[in-house]
C-alpha atoms as a PDB file:
ATOM      1  CA  MET A   1     -68.029  18.785  73.702  1.00  0.00           C
ATOM      2  CA  ARG A   2     -68.421  21.772  70.865  1.00  0.00           C
ATOM      3  CA  LEU A   3     -65.135  22.072  69.075  1.00  0.00           C
ATOM      4  CA  PHE A   4     -63.911  24.736  66.377  1.00  0.00           C
ATOM      5  CA  ILE A   5     -60.128  26.076  65.052  1.00  0.00           C
ATOM      6  CA  ALA A   6     -59.882  29.649  64.658  1.00  0.00           C
ATOM      7  CA  VAL A   7     -56.832  32.587  65.039  1.00  0.00           C
ATOM      8  CA  GLU A   8     -57.204  34.846  67.810  1.00  0.00           C
ATOM      9  CA  LEU A   9     -56.573  38.123  67.765  1.00  0.00           C
ATOM     10  CA  PRO A  10     -54.356  40.617  69.578  1.00  0.00           C
ATOM     11  CA  ASP A  11     -55.940  42.182  72.675  1.00  0.00           C
ATOM     12  CA  ALA A  12     -55.458  45.577  71.004  1.00  0.00           C
ATOM     13  CA  LEU A  13     -57.157  44.450  67.878  1.00  0.00           C
ATOM     14  CA  LYS A  14     -60.223  43.286  70.061  1.00  0.00           C
ATOM     15  CA  ASP A  15     -60.037  46.900  72.346  1.00  0.00           C
ATOM     16  CA  GLN A  16     -60.475  48.364  68.715  1.00  0.00           C
ATOM     17  CA  ILE A  17     -63.560  45.975  67.546  1.00  0.00           C
ATOM     18  CA  ALA A  18     -65.222  46.690  70.674  1.00  0.00           C
ATOM     19  CA  ARG A  19     -65.419  50.258  70.224  1.00  0.00           C
ATOM     20  CA  LEU A  20     -67.466  49.519  67.058  1.00  0.00           C
ATOM     21  CA  LYS A  21     -70.551  48.813  69.368  1.00  0.00           C
ATOM     22  CA  MET A  22     -73.959  50.552  68.482  1.00  0.00           C
ATOM     23  CA  ASP A  23     -76.943  50.876  69.267  1.00  0.00           C
ATOM     24  CA  ILE A  24     -78.965  48.532  67.982  1.00  0.00           C
ATOM     25  CA  PRO A  25     -82.397  47.186  69.139  1.00  0.00           C
ATOM     26  CA  ASP A  26     -82.420  43.513  69.661  1.00  0.00           C
ATOM     27  CA  ALA A  27     -78.358  43.361  69.169  1.00  0.00           C
ATOM     28  CA  SER A  28     -76.399  40.804  71.104  1.00  0.00           C
ATOM     29  CA  TRP A  29     -72.573  41.547  70.445  1.00  0.00           C
ATOM     30  CA  THR A  30     -70.327  38.934  70.827  1.00  0.00           C
ATOM     31  CA  ARG A  31     -67.619  39.905  74.165  1.00  0.00           C
ATOM     32  CA  ARG A  32     -64.963  41.322  73.044  1.00  0.00           C
ATOM     33  CA  GLU A  33     -62.781  38.354  74.601  1.00  0.00           C
ATOM     34  CA  THR A  34     -64.578  36.275  72.256  1.00  0.00           C
ATOM     35  CA  TYR A  35     -63.747  37.740  69.248  1.00  0.00           C
ATOM     36  CA  HIS A  36     -61.445  35.444  66.798  1.00  0.00           C
ATOM     37  CA  ILE A  37     -61.531  34.554  63.451  1.00  0.00           C
ATOM     38  CA  THR A  38     -63.101  30.776  62.684  1.00  0.00           C
ATOM     39  CA  LEU A  39     -60.727  28.772  60.513  1.00  0.00           C
ATOM     40  CA  ARG A  40     -63.696  25.551  60.793  1.00  0.00           C
ATOM     41  CA  PHE A  41     -66.701  24.365  63.404  1.00  0.00           C
ATOM     42  CA  LEU A  42     -66.299  21.360  63.951  1.00  0.00           C
ATOM     43  CA  GLY A  43     -69.730  20.244  65.435  1.00  0.00           C
ATOM     44  CA  ASP A  44     -72.020  20.081  68.833  1.00  0.00           C
ATOM     45  CA  ASP A  45     -71.686  17.119  69.499  1.00  0.00           C
ATOM     46  CA  ILE A  46     -67.455  15.660  69.117  1.00  0.00           C
ATOM     47  CA  ALA A  47     -66.468  12.952  71.371  1.00  0.00           C
ATOM     48  CA  ASP A  48     -63.723  13.333  74.032  1.00  0.00           C
ATOM     49  CA  SER A  49     -61.824  10.879  72.883  1.00  0.00           C
ATOM     50  CA  ARG A  50     -61.520  12.519  69.230  1.00  0.00           C
ATOM     51  CA  VAL A  51     -59.307  14.898  70.699  1.00  0.00           C
ATOM     52  CA  PRO A  52     -55.801  13.421  70.918  1.00  0.00           C
ATOM     53  CA  ASP A  53     -56.547  12.069  67.128  1.00  0.00           C
ATOM     54  CA  LEU A  54     -56.939  16.161  66.446  1.00  0.00           C
ATOM     55  CA  LYS A  55     -54.683  17.948  67.779  1.00  0.00           C
ATOM     56  CA  ASN A  56     -51.861  15.239  66.991  1.00  0.00           C
ATOM     57  CA  ALA A  57     -53.469  15.892  63.045  1.00  0.00           C
ATOM     58  CA  LEU A  58     -53.434  19.539  63.266  1.00  0.00           C
ATOM     59  CA  SER A  59     -50.074  19.719  64.428  1.00  0.00           C
ATOM     60  CA  GLN A  60     -48.893  18.219  61.211  1.00  0.00           C
ATOM     61  CA  ILE A  61     -49.582  21.499  59.320  1.00  0.00           C
ATOM     62  CA  GLN A  62     -46.483  23.513  58.470  1.00  0.00           C
ATOM     63  CA  LEU A  63     -47.424  26.800  57.134  1.00  0.00           C
ATOM     64  CA  PRO A  64     -45.709  30.606  57.194  1.00  0.00           C
ATOM     65  CA  ALA A  65     -47.292  33.211  59.779  1.00  0.00           C
ATOM     66  CA  PHE A  66     -48.588  35.610  57.626  1.00  0.00           C
ATOM     67  CA  ASP A  67     -50.248  39.425  58.447  1.00  0.00           C
ATOM     68  CA  VAL A  68     -54.126  39.669  58.526  1.00  0.00           C
ATOM     69  CA  THR A  69     -55.411  43.271  57.568  1.00  0.00           C
ATOM     70  CA  LEU A  70     -59.098  43.883  58.678  1.00  0.00           C
ATOM     71  CA  GLN A  71     -61.569  45.976  56.076  1.00  0.00           C
ATOM     72  CA  GLY A  72     -65.083  47.396  57.022  1.00  0.00           C
ATOM     73  CA  VAL A  73     -67.991  45.954  57.989  1.00  0.00           C
ATOM     74  CA  GLY A  74     -70.942  43.998  56.790  1.00  0.00           C
ATOM     75  CA  ARG A  75     -73.813  42.057  57.032  1.00  0.00           C
ATOM     76  CA  PHE A  76     -74.713  38.181  56.669  1.00  0.00           C
ATOM     77  CA  PRO A  77     -77.067  37.393  54.747  1.00  0.00           C
ATOM     78  CA  PRO A  78     -75.614  39.457  52.367  1.00  0.00           C
ATOM     79  CA  GLY A  79     -78.095  42.903  50.648  1.00  0.00           C
ATOM     80  CA  ALA A  80     -81.005  44.285  51.477  1.00  0.00           C
ATOM     81  CA  LYS A  81     -83.738  41.227  50.921  1.00  0.00           C
ATOM     82  CA  LYS A  82     -83.730  39.737  53.453  1.00  0.00           C
ATOM     83  CA  PRO A  83     -83.522  41.385  57.146  1.00  0.00           C
ATOM     84  CA  ALA A  84     -79.442  41.404  59.144  1.00  0.00           C
ATOM     85  CA  ARG A  85     -79.028  38.308  60.917  1.00  0.00           C
ATOM     86  CA  VAL A  86     -75.776  38.455  61.714  1.00  0.00           C
ATOM     87  CA  LEU A  87     -73.003  41.595  61.913  1.00  0.00           C
ATOM     88  CA  TRP A  88     -69.672  41.514  60.860  1.00  0.00           C
ATOM     89  CA  VAL A  89     -66.001  42.562  60.213  1.00  0.00           C
ATOM     90  CA  GLY A  90     -64.533  41.578  57.304  1.00  0.00           C
ATOM     91  CA  ILE A  91     -60.877  40.567  56.170  1.00  0.00           C
ATOM     92  CA  ALA A  92     -59.051  41.678  53.397  1.00  0.00           C
ATOM     93  CA  PRO A  93     -58.079  39.097  50.063  1.00  0.00           C
ATOM     94  CA  ASN A  94     -55.456  37.239  52.173  1.00  0.00           C
ATOM     95  CA  PRO A  95     -54.293  33.850  50.315  1.00  0.00           C
ATOM     96  CA  PRO A  96     -52.418  32.704  53.558  1.00  0.00           C
ATOM     97  CA  LEU A  97     -55.496  33.002  55.784  1.00  0.00           C
ATOM     98  CA  ILE A  98     -56.972  30.735  53.111  1.00  0.00           C
ATOM     99  CA  ALA A  99     -54.399  28.108  52.585  1.00  0.00           C
ATOM    100  CA  LEU A 100     -54.074  27.904  56.178  1.00  0.00           C
ATOM    101  CA  TYR A 101     -58.135  26.981  56.134  1.00  0.00           C
ATOM    102  CA  ARG A 102     -57.366  24.709  53.275  1.00  0.00           C
ATOM    103  CA  ALA A 103     -54.855  23.224  55.175  1.00  0.00           C
ATOM    104  CA  VAL A 104     -57.369  22.672  58.422  1.00  0.00           C
ATOM    105  CA  GLU A 105     -60.452  21.514  56.374  1.00  0.00           C
ATOM    106  CA  THR A 106     -57.996  18.808  54.412  1.00  0.00           C
ATOM    107  CA  THR A 107     -56.739  17.760  58.047  1.00  0.00           C
ATOM    108  CA  VAL A 108     -59.916  17.291  59.229  1.00  0.00           C
ATOM    109  CA  THR A 109     -61.895  15.804  56.850  1.00  0.00           C
ATOM    110  CA  GLY A 110     -59.511  13.512  56.824  1.00  0.00           C
ATOM    111  CA  LEU A 111     -60.200  13.044  60.028  1.00  0.00           C
ATOM    112  CA  ASN A 112     -63.417  11.586  58.705  1.00  0.00           C
ATOM    113  CA  PHE A 113     -65.395  15.631  60.027  1.00  0.00           C
ATOM    114  CA  PRO A 114     -68.193  15.902  57.140  1.00  0.00           C
ATOM    115  CA  PRO A 115     -66.513  18.607  54.621  1.00  0.00           C
ATOM    116  CA  ASP A 116     -67.449  21.911  55.194  1.00  0.00           C
ATOM    117  CA  ASP A 117     -70.923  22.785  53.723  1.00  0.00           C
ATOM    118  CA  HIS A 118     -69.779  26.094  52.720  1.00  0.00           C
ATOM    119  CA  ASP A 119     -67.079  28.640  50.886  1.00  0.00           C
ATOM    120  CA  PHE A 120     -64.822  30.286  53.108  1.00  0.00           C
ATOM    121  CA  SER A 121     -65.395  33.684  55.115  1.00  0.00           C
ATOM    122  CA  GLY A 122     -63.961  35.053  57.260  1.00  0.00           C
ATOM    123  CA  HIS A 123     -65.142  37.511  59.235  1.00  0.00           C
ATOM    124  CA  ILE A 124     -64.814  38.596  62.830  1.00  0.00           C
ATOM    125  CA  THR A 125     -68.296  38.538  64.522  1.00  0.00           C
ATOM    126  CA  LEU A 126     -69.908  41.327  66.248  1.00  0.00           C
ATOM    127  CA  ALA A 127     -73.173  40.856  66.930  1.00  0.00           C
ATOM    128  CA  ARG A 128     -76.527  38.438  66.299  1.00  0.00           C
ATOM    129  CA  LEU A 129     -79.879  39.987  65.565  1.00  0.00           C
ATOM    130  CA  LYS A 130     -82.663  38.988  66.511  1.00  0.00           C
ATOM    131  CA  HIS A 131     -85.127  40.847  64.880  1.00  0.00           C
ATOM    132  CA  PHE A 132     -86.498  39.613  61.670  1.00  0.00           C
ATOM    133  CA  LYS A 133     -86.997  42.724  60.154  1.00  0.00           C
ATOM    134  CA  PRO A 134     -84.978  45.834  58.618  1.00  0.00           C
ATOM    135  CA  GLU A 135     -83.956  48.067  60.843  1.00  0.00           C
ATOM    136  CA  ALA A 136     -82.270  51.736  59.614  1.00  0.00           C
ATOM    137  CA  SER A 137     -79.986  50.835  63.018  1.00  0.00           C
ATOM    138  CA  VAL A 138     -78.300  48.434  61.129  1.00  0.00           C
ATOM    139  CA  ASP A 139     -77.951  50.683  57.751  1.00  0.00           C
ATOM    140  CA  ALA A 140     -76.213  53.244  60.063  1.00  0.00           C
ATOM    141  CA  PHE A 141     -73.996  50.824  62.042  1.00  0.00           C
ATOM    142  CA  LEU A 142     -72.848  49.704  58.199  1.00  0.00           C
ATOM    143  CA  SER A 143     -72.280  52.878  56.872  1.00  0.00           C
ATOM    144  CA  LYS A 144     -70.674  54.040  60.013  1.00  0.00           C
ATOM    145  CA  GLN A 145     -68.319  51.604  60.611  1.00  0.00           C
ATOM    146  CA  GLY A 146     -67.646  50.745  56.899  1.00  0.00           C
ATOM    147  CA  ASP A 147     -64.056  52.748  56.891  1.00  0.00           C
ATOM    148  CA  PHE A 148     -62.460  50.396  59.667  1.00  0.00           C
ATOM    149  CA  ARG A 149     -59.659  49.180  58.572  1.00  0.00           C
ATOM    150  CA  PRO A 150     -57.039  48.922  61.697  1.00  0.00           C
ATOM    151  CA  GLU A 151     -53.340  48.031  61.296  1.00  0.00           C
ATOM    152  CA  PRO A 152     -52.658  44.622  60.267  1.00  0.00           C
ATOM    153  CA  PHE A 153     -51.919  41.955  62.687  1.00  0.00           C
ATOM    154  CA  HIS A 154     -49.198  38.553  62.889  1.00  0.00           C
ATOM    155  CA  ALA A 155     -50.799  35.725  62.786  1.00  0.00           C
ATOM    156  CA  ASP A 156     -48.722  33.221  64.159  1.00  0.00           C
ATOM    157  CA  ALA A 157     -50.509  30.679  65.514  1.00  0.00           C
ATOM    158  CA  PHE A 158     -54.446  28.789  65.200  1.00  0.00           C
ATOM    159  CA  HIS A 159     -56.007  27.124  67.820  1.00  0.00           C
ATOM    160  CA  LEU A 160     -58.128  24.593  68.956  1.00  0.00           C
ATOM    161  CA  PHE A 161     -60.930  25.622  71.267  1.00  0.00           C
ATOM    162  CA  SER A 162     -63.789  23.810  72.734  1.00  0.00           C
ATOM    163  CA  SER A 163     -67.435  25.993  73.639  1.00  0.00           C
ATOM    164  CA  THR A 164     -69.641  26.013  76.254  1.00  0.00           C
ATOM    165  CA  LEU A 165     -72.838  27.927  75.735  1.00  0.00           C
ATOM    166  CA  THR A 166     -74.240  29.484  78.875  1.00  0.00           C
ATOM    167  CA  PRO A 167     -76.886  32.586  79.257  1.00  0.00           C
ATOM    168  CA  GLN A 168     -73.967  34.879  79.558  1.00  0.00           C
ATOM    169  CA  GLY A 169     -72.731  33.721  75.925  1.00  0.00           C
ATOM    170  CA  ALA A 170     -70.328  31.544  75.021  1.00  0.00           C
ATOM    171  CA  ARG A 171     -67.219  30.602  77.112  1.00  0.00           C
ATOM    172  CA  TYR A 172     -64.270  29.901  74.974  1.00  0.00           C
ATOM    173  CA  THR A 173     -61.143  27.005  76.492  1.00  0.00           C
ATOM    174  CA  THR A 174     -58.042  27.106  74.114  1.00  0.00           C
ATOM    175  CA  LEU A 175     -57.200  23.405  74.091  1.00  0.00           C
ATOM    176  CA  ALA A 176     -54.319  23.388  71.750  1.00  0.00           C
ATOM    177  CA  SER A 177     -52.297  25.630  70.281  1.00  0.00           C
ATOM    178  CA  PHE A 178     -50.207  25.303  66.863  1.00  0.00           C
ATOM    179  CA  PRO A 179     -47.289  27.710  65.966  1.00  0.00           C
ATOM    180  CA  LEU A 180     -46.654  28.917  62.225  1.00  0.00           C
ATOM    181  CA  ALA A 181     -43.366  29.239  61.446  1.00  0.00           C
END
């Protein structure tokens, strides 16, 4: 199974994010229903037999619910030296979200998943870019949508998802939900 742990977004917020889409050649835009904040990608080949232990361990995380503020847009990699590969919506600094990420990371490494190999960078993926050269349309997108800042949303749970890759894009199935107090 292909598994990840994420915070889901409210439908009204997904609608606002979907309206950021612009005409960018060779951009593959993420479908509205798949917008989320990834806390931890676990891998592509996770045995089904690991899921019960994973669910049990994640259910032990006891943290308070919190608000999340989305803020601006950006690209990976940052800067202009390399072409953009991903466009994203950013998240304002959020210590409770970082605490949730750390709790999830501690939990999954305790179950012998390899440690995360990069620092947490909370974001919502908007598009993946297939071209390998700088594009004025990417710069126009970043300029036009840079002030994006919708109302905060309340994160009161996180979820374990399985992901199936299809020619039409990834399809997510919620395997378990874990409430935040």
